[in-house]
Amino acid sequence: MLGALIFAVTMFVGWTIFDLVKHKKIMKENVISGLVAAVTAGIAWYILFVIF
């Protein structure tokens, strides 16, 4: 469970930094899309952890 949480936080930070570099400013839409991507990635990581 902790691994999935760390992965989700890392995804969010990486996604936000990528958008910051790409657009040169932080936009609300980019933060929300990073949050959605992070939650999705965390859930997928946890499901894979449970299966395997």
N, C-alpha and C. Protein backbone atom coordinates (compact mmCIF):
# COMPACT_ATOMS: atom_id res chain seq x y z
N MET A 1 0.82 -1.19 0.00
CA MET A 1 0.00 0.00 0.00
C MET A 1 0.87 1.26 0.00
N LEU A 2 1.93 1.24 0.80
CA LEU A 2 2.82 2.40 0.87
C LEU A 2 3.52 2.65 -0.46
N GLY A 3 3.86 1.56 -1.16
CA GLY A 3 4.51 1.70 -2.46
C GLY A 3 3.61 2.38 -3.48
N ALA A 4 2.33 2.04 -3.46
CA ALA A 4 1.38 2.67 -4.39
C ALA A 4 1.20 4.15 -4.05
N LEU A 5 1.20 4.48 -2.78
CA LEU A 5 1.05 5.87 -2.36
C LEU A 5 2.28 6.69 -2.78
N ILE A 6 3.46 6.14 -2.57
CA ILE A 6 4.69 6.82 -2.97
C ILE A 6 4.73 7.00 -4.48
N PHE A 7 4.31 5.98 -5.21
CA PHE A 7 4.28 6.06 -6.67
C PHE A 7 3.31 7.14 -7.13
N ALA A 8 2.15 7.24 -6.50
CA ALA A 8 1.16 8.25 -6.87
C ALA A 8 1.68 9.66 -6.59
N VAL A 9 2.31 9.86 -5.45
CA VAL A 9 2.87 11.18 -5.13
C VAL A 9 3.98 11.54 -6.12
N THR A 10 4.81 10.57 -6.44
CA THR A 10 5.88 10.81 -7.41
C THR A 10 5.32 11.16 -8.78
N MET A 11 4.27 10.46 -9.19
CA MET A 11 3.62 10.77 -10.47
C MET A 11 3.08 12.19 -10.47
N PHE A 12 2.43 12.59 -9.38
CA PHE A 12 1.87 13.93 -9.30
C PHE A 12 2.95 15.00 -9.37
N VAL A 13 4.02 14.82 -8.62
CA VAL A 13 5.11 15.80 -8.62
C VAL A 13 5.76 15.86 -10.01
N GLY A 14 6.02 14.71 -10.59
CA GLY A 14 6.64 14.69 -11.92
C GLY A 14 5.75 15.31 -12.98
N TRP A 15 4.47 15.01 -12.94
CA TRP A 15 3.52 15.56 -13.90
C TRP A 15 3.44 17.08 -13.76
N THR A 16 3.40 17.56 -12.52
CA THR A 16 3.31 18.99 -12.27
C THR A 16 4.59 19.70 -12.72
N ILE A 17 5.75 19.13 -12.45
CA ILE A 17 7.00 19.73 -12.90
C ILE A 17 7.08 19.75 -14.42
N PHE A 18 6.65 18.67 -15.06
CA PHE A 18 6.65 18.62 -16.53
C PHE A 18 5.76 19.72 -17.11
N ASP A 19 4.55 19.90 -16.55
CA ASP A 19 3.67 20.95 -17.03
C ASP A 19 4.22 22.34 -16.73
N LEU A 20 4.89 22.50 -15.60
CA LEU A 20 5.49 23.79 -15.27
C LEU A 20 6.58 24.16 -16.27
N VAL A 21 7.40 23.19 -16.63
CA VAL A 21 8.47 23.44 -17.60
C VAL A 21 7.86 23.70 -18.99
N LYS A 22 6.81 22.98 -19.32
CA LYS A 22 6.20 23.09 -20.64
C LYS A 22 5.46 24.42 -20.81
N HIS A 23 4.69 24.85 -19.81
CA HIS A 23 3.85 26.04 -19.94
C HIS A 23 4.41 27.27 -19.23
N LYS A 24 5.48 27.13 -18.48
CA LYS A 24 6.14 28.22 -17.76
C LYS A 24 5.29 28.84 -16.66
N LYS A 25 4.18 28.21 -16.30
CA LYS A 25 3.37 28.66 -15.17
C LYS A 25 2.48 27.50 -14.71
N ILE A 26 2.04 27.59 -13.47
CA ILE A 26 1.18 26.55 -12.93
C ILE A 26 -0.27 26.96 -13.19
N MET A 27 -0.99 26.07 -13.87
CA MET A 27 -2.40 26.32 -14.16
C MET A 27 -3.25 25.30 -13.41
N LYS A 28 -4.44 25.72 -13.02
CA LYS A 28 -5.34 24.86 -12.25
C LYS A 28 -5.65 23.57 -13.01
N GLU A 29 -5.87 23.67 -14.31
CA GLU A 29 -6.20 22.49 -15.12
C GLU A 29 -5.06 21.48 -15.13
N ASN A 30 -3.84 21.97 -15.17
CA ASN A 30 -2.67 21.08 -15.18
C ASN A 30 -2.51 20.36 -13.84
N VAL A 31 -2.78 21.07 -12.76
CA VAL A 31 -2.68 20.45 -11.44
C VAL A 31 -3.76 19.38 -11.28
N ILE A 32 -4.97 19.67 -11.74
CA ILE A 32 -6.06 18.69 -11.66
C ILE A 32 -5.76 17.48 -12.53
N SER A 33 -5.24 17.70 -13.74
CA SER A 33 -4.92 16.56 -14.60
C SER A 33 -3.78 15.73 -14.00
N GLY A 34 -2.83 16.37 -13.36
CA GLY A 34 -1.75 15.64 -12.68
C GLY A 34 -2.29 14.83 -11.51
N LEU A 35 -3.25 15.40 -10.79
CA LEU A 35 -3.86 14.69 -9.67
C LEU A 35 -4.64 13.47 -10.16
N VAL A 36 -5.39 13.62 -11.23
CA VAL A 36 -6.14 12.50 -11.80
C VAL A 36 -5.20 11.41 -12.28
N ALA A 37 -4.13 11.80 -12.95
CA ALA A 37 -3.14 10.83 -13.42
C ALA A 37 -2.47 10.11 -12.26
N ALA A 38 -2.18 10.84 -11.20
CA ALA A 38 -1.52 10.24 -10.04
C ALA A 38 -2.44 9.25 -9.32
N VAL A 39 -3.70 9.62 -9.15
CA VAL A 39 -4.64 8.71 -8.50
C VAL A 39 -4.85 7.45 -9.35
N THR A 40 -4.99 7.63 -10.64
CA THR A 40 -5.15 6.49 -11.54
C THR A 40 -3.93 5.58 -11.50
N ALA A 41 -2.75 6.16 -11.55
CA ALA A 41 -1.51 5.38 -11.50
C ALA A 41 -1.36 4.66 -10.16
N GLY A 42 -1.72 5.33 -9.07
CA GLY A 42 -1.64 4.70 -7.76
C GLY A 42 -2.59 3.52 -7.62
N ILE A 43 -3.80 3.67 -8.12
CA ILE A 43 -4.77 2.57 -8.07
C ILE A 43 -4.29 1.40 -8.93
N ALA A 44 -3.79 1.71 -10.12
CA ALA A 44 -3.29 0.65 -11.00
C ALA A 44 -2.10 -0.07 -10.37
N TRP A 45 -1.20 0.69 -9.74
CA TRP A 45 -0.05 0.09 -9.08
C TRP A 45 -0.49 -0.83 -7.95
N TYR A 46 -1.48 -0.41 -7.16
CA TYR A 46 -1.97 -1.22 -6.06
C TYR A 46 -2.65 -2.49 -6.57
N ILE A 47 -3.42 -2.37 -7.64
CA ILE A 47 -4.08 -3.56 -8.22
C ILE A 47 -3.03 -4.56 -8.70
N LEU A 48 -1.99 -4.05 -9.37
CA LEU A 48 -0.92 -4.94 -9.82
C LEU A 48 -0.20 -5.58 -8.64
N PHE A 49 -0.03 -4.84 -7.56
CA PHE A 49 0.59 -5.38 -6.35
C PHE A 49 -0.25 -6.50 -5.76
N VAL A 50 -1.57 -6.32 -5.73
CA VAL A 50 -2.46 -7.34 -5.19
C VAL A 50 -2.48 -8.59 -6.06
N ILE A 51 -2.50 -8.40 -7.38
CA ILE A 51 -2.57 -9.53 -8.31
C ILE A 51 -1.28 -10.35 -8.27
N PHE A 52 -0.14 -9.67 -8.29
CA PHE A 52 1.12 -10.38 -8.35
C PHE A 52 1.78 -10.40 -7.00
